[in-house]
Amino acid sequence: MPHDNFTPLVSPLNSGATGSARDDLPPDPLQAKVDALNARYRHHSATSVVEAALRDPQAGKLALVSSFGAESVVLLHMAAIADRNAPVIFVDTEMLFTETLVYQQELAERLNLKNVQVIRASQATLKAEDPDGLLHRADTDACCALRKTRPLQKALRGYDGWITGRKRFQSGTRAALDFFEVEDFTGRIKVNPLAHWAPEDVRAYMEENRLPRHPLVAQGYPSIGCAPCTSKVAEGEDPRSGRWRGQDKEECGIHFVNGKMVRVGEKT
């Protein structure tokens, strides 16, 4: 039985159940739109999905959200090819590695991205909620919400949805990702062009297109977040084991709503 904090994205209306009082309710138009997009692009490549997300009127106005982390260059390169003026949102938590900040600037210039928007929590908010910059030691979820989730949600208010670099292989919470999904409670679409990619697909794309790697990857950081909460990963460990090491935490909160995980419905 799913945990109470998990909210399935697949509506009971589409579950095949009969005899329920909900059978007479009208279908969710946003879910219907997502279902149509998934059906239309189900057998398309990741590149085609990026192009569709940025050009298909049914997808609406979308922004690409990037951490400029270990594998971000793949999606950024696809977006640059499709539309260099596409909005790219980068959340600067002001706790990132210096290498990430340098990489972000260099990569945006190299790919000729014309619309990179760097967003941060306001100084007034940081002063009120994390005056000594040590909130991450007491409550990592609260720190992620303050420095990442809330600034991003504010930045996305003018968009119908956003494009992410999430992949099924990254964690159990992402094992059933589709290309297009509903972000519950917000009324937005979330697009995952790389959902079906394996680690070797990512490496091959980067090598074939001669894309620069994040400098910390070579130093043992296959997954890169904020400096205080990211550690090196030993050979044989899960690539994301260096994120919030020792804590029961897999996500920063960007893919949560109101502190609750939005679970993708299981496939049948």
Protein backbone atom coordinates (compact mmCIF):
# COMPACT_ATOMS: atom_id res chain seq x y z
CA MET A 1 0.00 0.00 0.00
CA PRO A 2 1.41 3.40 -0.95
CA HIS A 3 2.55 5.71 1.81
CA ASP A 4 -0.01 8.39 2.72
CA ASN A 5 2.34 11.12 1.45
CA PHE A 6 2.47 9.59 -2.02
CA THR A 7 -0.02 11.01 -4.52
CA PRO A 8 -0.45 8.77 -7.60
CA LEU A 9 -0.51 10.68 -10.85
CA VAL A 10 -2.73 8.09 -12.50
CA SER A 11 -6.31 9.00 -11.79
CA PRO A 12 -8.75 6.31 -10.67
CA LEU A 13 -10.79 7.38 -13.67
CA ASN A 14 -8.25 5.65 -15.88
CA SER A 15 -7.62 2.64 -13.68
CA GLY A 16 -10.26 0.44 -15.26
CA ALA A 17 -12.31 0.19 -12.05
CA THR A 18 -16.08 0.09 -12.41
CA GLY A 19 -18.97 0.76 -10.12
CA SER A 20 -17.28 3.66 -8.35
CA ALA A 21 -19.04 6.92 -7.61
CA ARG A 22 -16.13 8.60 -9.40
CA ASP A 23 -17.01 6.96 -12.72
CA ASP A 24 -19.44 9.76 -13.50
CA LEU A 25 -16.87 12.53 -13.00
CA PRO A 26 -15.53 14.23 -16.14
CA PRO A 27 -11.97 13.32 -17.18
CA ASP A 28 -9.12 15.54 -16.04
CA PRO A 29 -8.23 17.71 -19.09
CA LEU A 30 -4.59 18.11 -18.03
CA GLN A 31 -4.16 14.35 -17.59
CA ALA A 32 -5.85 13.84 -20.97
CA LYS A 33 -3.39 16.27 -22.56
CA VAL A 34 -0.42 14.44 -20.99
CA ASP A 35 -1.80 11.07 -22.10
CA ALA A 36 -2.14 12.39 -25.66
CA LEU A 37 1.44 13.74 -25.64
CA ASN A 38 2.81 10.44 -24.34
CA ALA A 39 0.90 8.54 -27.02
CA ARG A 40 2.11 10.90 -29.74
CA TYR A 41 5.80 10.76 -28.79
CA ARG A 42 6.00 7.33 -27.17
CA HIS A 43 8.39 5.93 -29.77
CA HIS A 44 10.33 9.13 -30.41
CA SER A 45 13.89 9.91 -29.40
CA ALA A 46 14.87 12.14 -26.50
CA THR A 47 15.85 14.84 -28.97
CA SER A 48 12.40 14.71 -30.55
CA VAL A 49 10.76 14.99 -27.15
CA VAL A 50 12.84 18.10 -26.36
CA GLU A 51 11.84 19.65 -29.68
CA ALA A 52 8.20 18.72 -29.04
CA ALA A 53 8.30 20.22 -25.57
CA LEU A 54 9.60 23.51 -26.92
CA ARG A 55 7.49 23.67 -30.10
CA ASP A 56 4.29 21.64 -29.73
CA PRO A 57 1.45 24.05 -28.83
CA GLN A 58 -0.23 21.30 -26.83
CA ALA A 59 2.74 21.24 -24.43
CA GLY A 60 2.30 24.94 -23.70
CA LYS A 61 4.97 27.39 -22.56
CA LEU A 62 7.82 25.44 -20.97
CA ALA A 63 11.16 26.21 -19.34
CA LEU A 64 14.11 23.86 -18.97
CA VAL A 65 15.28 23.59 -15.35
CA SER A 66 18.93 22.61 -15.02
CA SER A 67 21.31 22.11 -12.11
CA PHE A 68 24.30 22.27 -14.49
CA GLY A 69 25.39 19.10 -12.73
CA ALA A 70 27.14 15.92 -13.77
CA GLU A 71 24.83 14.99 -16.67
CA SER A 72 23.07 18.30 -17.35
CA VAL A 73 25.05 19.05 -20.48
CA VAL A 74 23.12 16.40 -22.46
CA LEU A 75 19.73 18.05 -22.09
CA LEU A 76 21.19 21.53 -22.40
CA HIS A 77 22.85 20.55 -25.68
CA MET A 78 19.56 19.17 -27.03
CA ALA A 79 17.77 22.35 -26.03
CA ALA A 80 20.46 24.52 -27.64
CA ILE A 81 19.99 22.65 -30.91
CA ALA A 82 16.20 22.95 -30.77
CA ASP A 83 16.02 26.58 -29.66
CA ARG A 84 18.89 28.62 -28.23
CA ASN A 85 16.37 31.14 -26.92
CA ALA A 86 14.52 28.58 -24.84
CA PRO A 87 14.31 29.66 -21.19
CA VAL A 88 16.77 27.78 -18.96
CA ILE A 89 16.29 28.18 -15.21
CA PHE A 90 19.30 27.62 -12.94
CA VAL A 91 18.72 27.67 -9.18
CA ASP A 92 21.74 29.07 -7.36
CA THR A 93 21.33 27.96 -3.75
CA GLU A 94 24.42 29.97 -2.79
CA MET A 95 25.77 26.71 -1.40
CA LEU A 96 26.92 25.20 -4.68
CA PHE A 97 30.45 24.15 -5.45
CA THR A 98 32.54 26.90 -7.04
CA GLU A 99 33.19 24.42 -9.86
CA THR A 100 29.46 24.27 -10.59
CA LEU A 101 29.15 28.05 -10.86
CA VAL A 102 32.13 28.25 -13.22
CA TYR A 103 30.83 25.30 -15.26
CA GLN A 104 27.42 26.96 -15.56
CA GLN A 105 28.87 30.11 -17.04
CA GLU A 106 31.27 28.32 -19.37
CA LEU A 107 28.65 25.86 -20.59
CA ALA A 108 26.04 28.52 -21.26
CA GLU A 109 28.58 30.41 -23.33
CA ARG A 110 29.82 27.35 -25.20
CA LEU A 111 26.31 26.19 -26.09
CA ASN A 112 25.28 29.77 -26.89
CA LEU A 113 22.26 29.60 -24.62
CA LYS A 114 20.57 32.98 -24.91
CA ASN A 115 18.05 32.85 -22.08
CA VAL A 116 19.62 31.46 -18.90
CA GLN A 117 17.81 32.74 -15.83
CA VAL A 118 19.74 32.46 -12.55
CA ILE A 119 17.35 32.50 -9.60
CA ARG A 120 17.98 32.60 -5.84
CA ALA A 121 16.06 32.94 -2.61
CA SER A 122 15.86 36.58 -1.59
CA GLN A 123 18.40 37.86 0.91
CA ALA A 124 15.57 38.93 3.19
CA THR A 125 14.15 35.40 3.21
CA LEU A 126 17.56 33.84 3.83
CA LYS A 127 18.22 36.26 6.68
CA ALA A 128 14.88 35.45 8.26
CA GLU A 129 14.99 31.66 7.90
CA ASP A 130 18.69 30.77 7.74
CA PRO A 131 20.65 33.72 9.16
CA ASP A 132 23.79 31.72 9.97
CA GLY A 133 23.69 29.52 6.85
CA LEU A 134 23.55 26.35 8.94
CA LEU A 135 19.95 25.26 8.36
CA HIS A 136 21.19 22.30 6.31
CA ARG A 137 22.75 20.80 9.43
CA ALA A 138 19.51 20.82 11.38
CA ASP A 139 16.93 20.17 8.65
CA THR A 140 18.01 19.38 5.09
CA ASP A 141 14.42 19.30 3.83
CA ALA A 142 13.77 22.81 5.14
CA CYS A 143 17.02 24.03 3.61
CA CYS A 144 16.15 22.53 0.21
CA ALA A 145 12.69 24.09 0.38
CA LEU A 146 14.11 27.49 1.27
CA ARG A 147 16.93 27.59 -1.25
CA LYS A 148 15.60 25.49 -4.14
CA THR A 149 11.96 24.45 -4.16
CA ARG A 150 10.31 27.75 -3.28
CA PRO A 151 12.48 29.93 -5.57
CA LEU A 152 11.85 27.51 -8.43
CA GLN A 153 8.10 27.38 -7.88
CA LYS A 154 8.05 31.18 -7.93
CA ALA A 155 10.08 31.27 -11.16
CA LEU A 156 7.77 28.75 -12.83
CA ARG A 157 4.58 30.71 -12.21
CA GLY A 158 4.64 32.10 -15.72
CA TYR A 159 5.02 28.69 -17.38
CA ASP A 160 2.69 25.82 -18.24
CA GLY A 161 5.37 23.30 -17.31
CA TRP A 162 9.05 22.48 -17.21
CA ILE A 163 11.63 20.15 -18.70
CA THR A 164 13.78 18.04 -16.38
CA GLY A 165 16.77 15.73 -16.73
CA ARG A 166 15.32 12.99 -14.55
CA LYS A 167 15.90 9.38 -15.58
CA ARG A 168 14.38 6.11 -14.46
CA PHE A 169 17.68 4.56 -13.45
CA GLN A 170 18.56 7.29 -10.94
CA SER A 171 16.44 6.05 -8.04
CA GLY A 172 13.46 3.93 -7.10
CA THR A 173 11.27 7.01 -6.90
CA ARG A 174 11.89 7.60 -10.61
CA ALA A 175 11.48 4.03 -11.85
CA ALA A 176 8.21 4.61 -13.72
CA LEU A 177 8.79 7.99 -15.36
CA ASP A 178 7.06 8.83 -18.63
CA PHE A 179 8.13 11.50 -21.11
CA PHE A 180 5.24 13.70 -20.01
CA GLU A 181 3.57 13.74 -16.61
CA VAL A 182 1.23 15.86 -14.53
CA GLU A 183 2.70 17.80 -11.65
CA ASP A 184 -0.10 17.42 -9.18
CA PHE A 185 -1.49 20.47 -7.35
CA THR A 186 0.34 22.96 -9.60
CA GLY A 187 -1.54 22.46 -12.86
CA ARG A 188 1.73 22.14 -14.78
CA ILE A 189 3.23 19.56 -17.12
CA LYS A 190 6.61 18.04 -16.37
CA VAL A 191 8.68 16.70 -19.27
CA ASN A 192 11.38 14.04 -18.87
CA PRO A 193 13.04 13.55 -22.29
CA LEU A 194 15.77 11.30 -20.86
CA ALA A 195 13.41 9.14 -18.80
CA HIS A 196 14.28 5.91 -20.64
CA TRP A 197 18.02 6.49 -20.97
CA ALA A 198 20.59 4.24 -19.31
CA PRO A 199 23.96 5.50 -17.95
CA GLU A 200 25.73 4.28 -21.07
CA ASP A 201 23.37 6.35 -23.25
CA VAL A 202 24.37 9.48 -21.35
CA ARG A 203 28.09 8.71 -21.70
CA ALA A 204 27.76 7.89 -25.40
CA TYR A 205 25.91 11.13 -26.16
CA MET A 206 28.49 13.21 -24.34
CA GLU A 207 31.37 11.48 -26.10
CA GLU A 208 29.81 11.59 -29.57
CA ASN A 209 29.08 15.31 -29.24
CA ARG A 210 32.35 16.08 -27.42
CA LEU A 211 30.58 17.77 -24.58
CA PRO A 212 32.55 19.01 -21.56
CA ARG A 213 32.05 17.18 -18.28
CA HIS A 214 31.51 18.84 -14.95
CA PRO A 215 35.02 19.05 -13.45
CA LEU A 216 33.96 17.33 -10.21
CA VAL A 217 32.96 14.11 -11.99
CA ALA A 218 36.61 13.17 -12.45
CA GLN A 219 37.13 13.77 -8.72
CA GLY A 220 34.57 11.17 -7.68
CA TYR A 221 31.30 13.10 -7.73
CA PRO A 222 28.91 11.37 -10.21
CA SER A 223 25.92 13.29 -8.77
CA ILE A 224 26.44 16.88 -7.72
CA GLY A 225 24.30 19.11 -5.55
CA CYS A 226 25.10 21.63 -2.84
CA ALA A 227 28.60 21.37 -1.40
CA PRO A 228 27.61 20.70 2.25
CA CYS A 229 25.33 17.81 1.28
CA THR A 230 27.39 16.16 -1.48
CA SER A 231 30.23 13.71 -0.89
CA LYS A 232 32.46 11.57 -3.07
CA VAL A 233 31.20 8.17 -4.20
CA ALA A 234 33.38 5.09 -3.92
CA GLU A 235 33.70 2.56 -6.74
CA GLY A 236 30.70 0.23 -6.74
CA GLU A 237 28.43 2.58 -4.82
CA ASP A 238 25.18 3.91 -6.23
CA PRO A 239 25.93 7.15 -8.13
CA ARG A 240 23.50 9.09 -5.93
CA SER A 241 24.80 7.68 -2.65
CA GLY A 242 26.89 10.80 -2.21
CA ARG A 243 23.79 12.96 -1.94
CA TRP A 244 22.66 13.48 1.67
CA ARG A 245 24.82 10.55 2.74
CA GLY A 246 23.53 8.79 5.82
CA GLN A 247 20.05 10.27 5.54
CA ASP A 248 16.79 8.77 4.37
CA LYS A 249 16.55 11.27 1.53
CA GLU A 250 16.79 10.84 -2.25
CA GLU A 251 15.33 14.06 -3.62
CA CYS A 252 16.12 17.73 -3.00
CA GLY A 253 12.46 18.69 -3.01
CA ILE A 254 12.23 20.24 -6.47
CA HIS A 255 10.12 17.26 -7.54
CA PHE A 256 7.90 17.43 -4.45
CA VAL A 257 4.78 19.51 -3.90
CA ASN A 258 4.07 21.05 -0.51
CA GLY A 259 6.68 18.74 0.99
CA LYS A 260 5.00 15.62 -0.38
CA MET A 261 6.46 13.29 -2.99
CA VAL A 262 4.41 13.04 -6.18
CA ARG A 263 4.60 9.39 -7.17
CA VAL A 264 4.32 8.35 -10.81
CA GLY A 265 1.67 5.70 -11.25
CA GLU A 266 2.93 2.15 -11.69
CA LYS A 267 2.94 0.66 -15.15
CA THR A 268 0.90 -2.41 -15.94
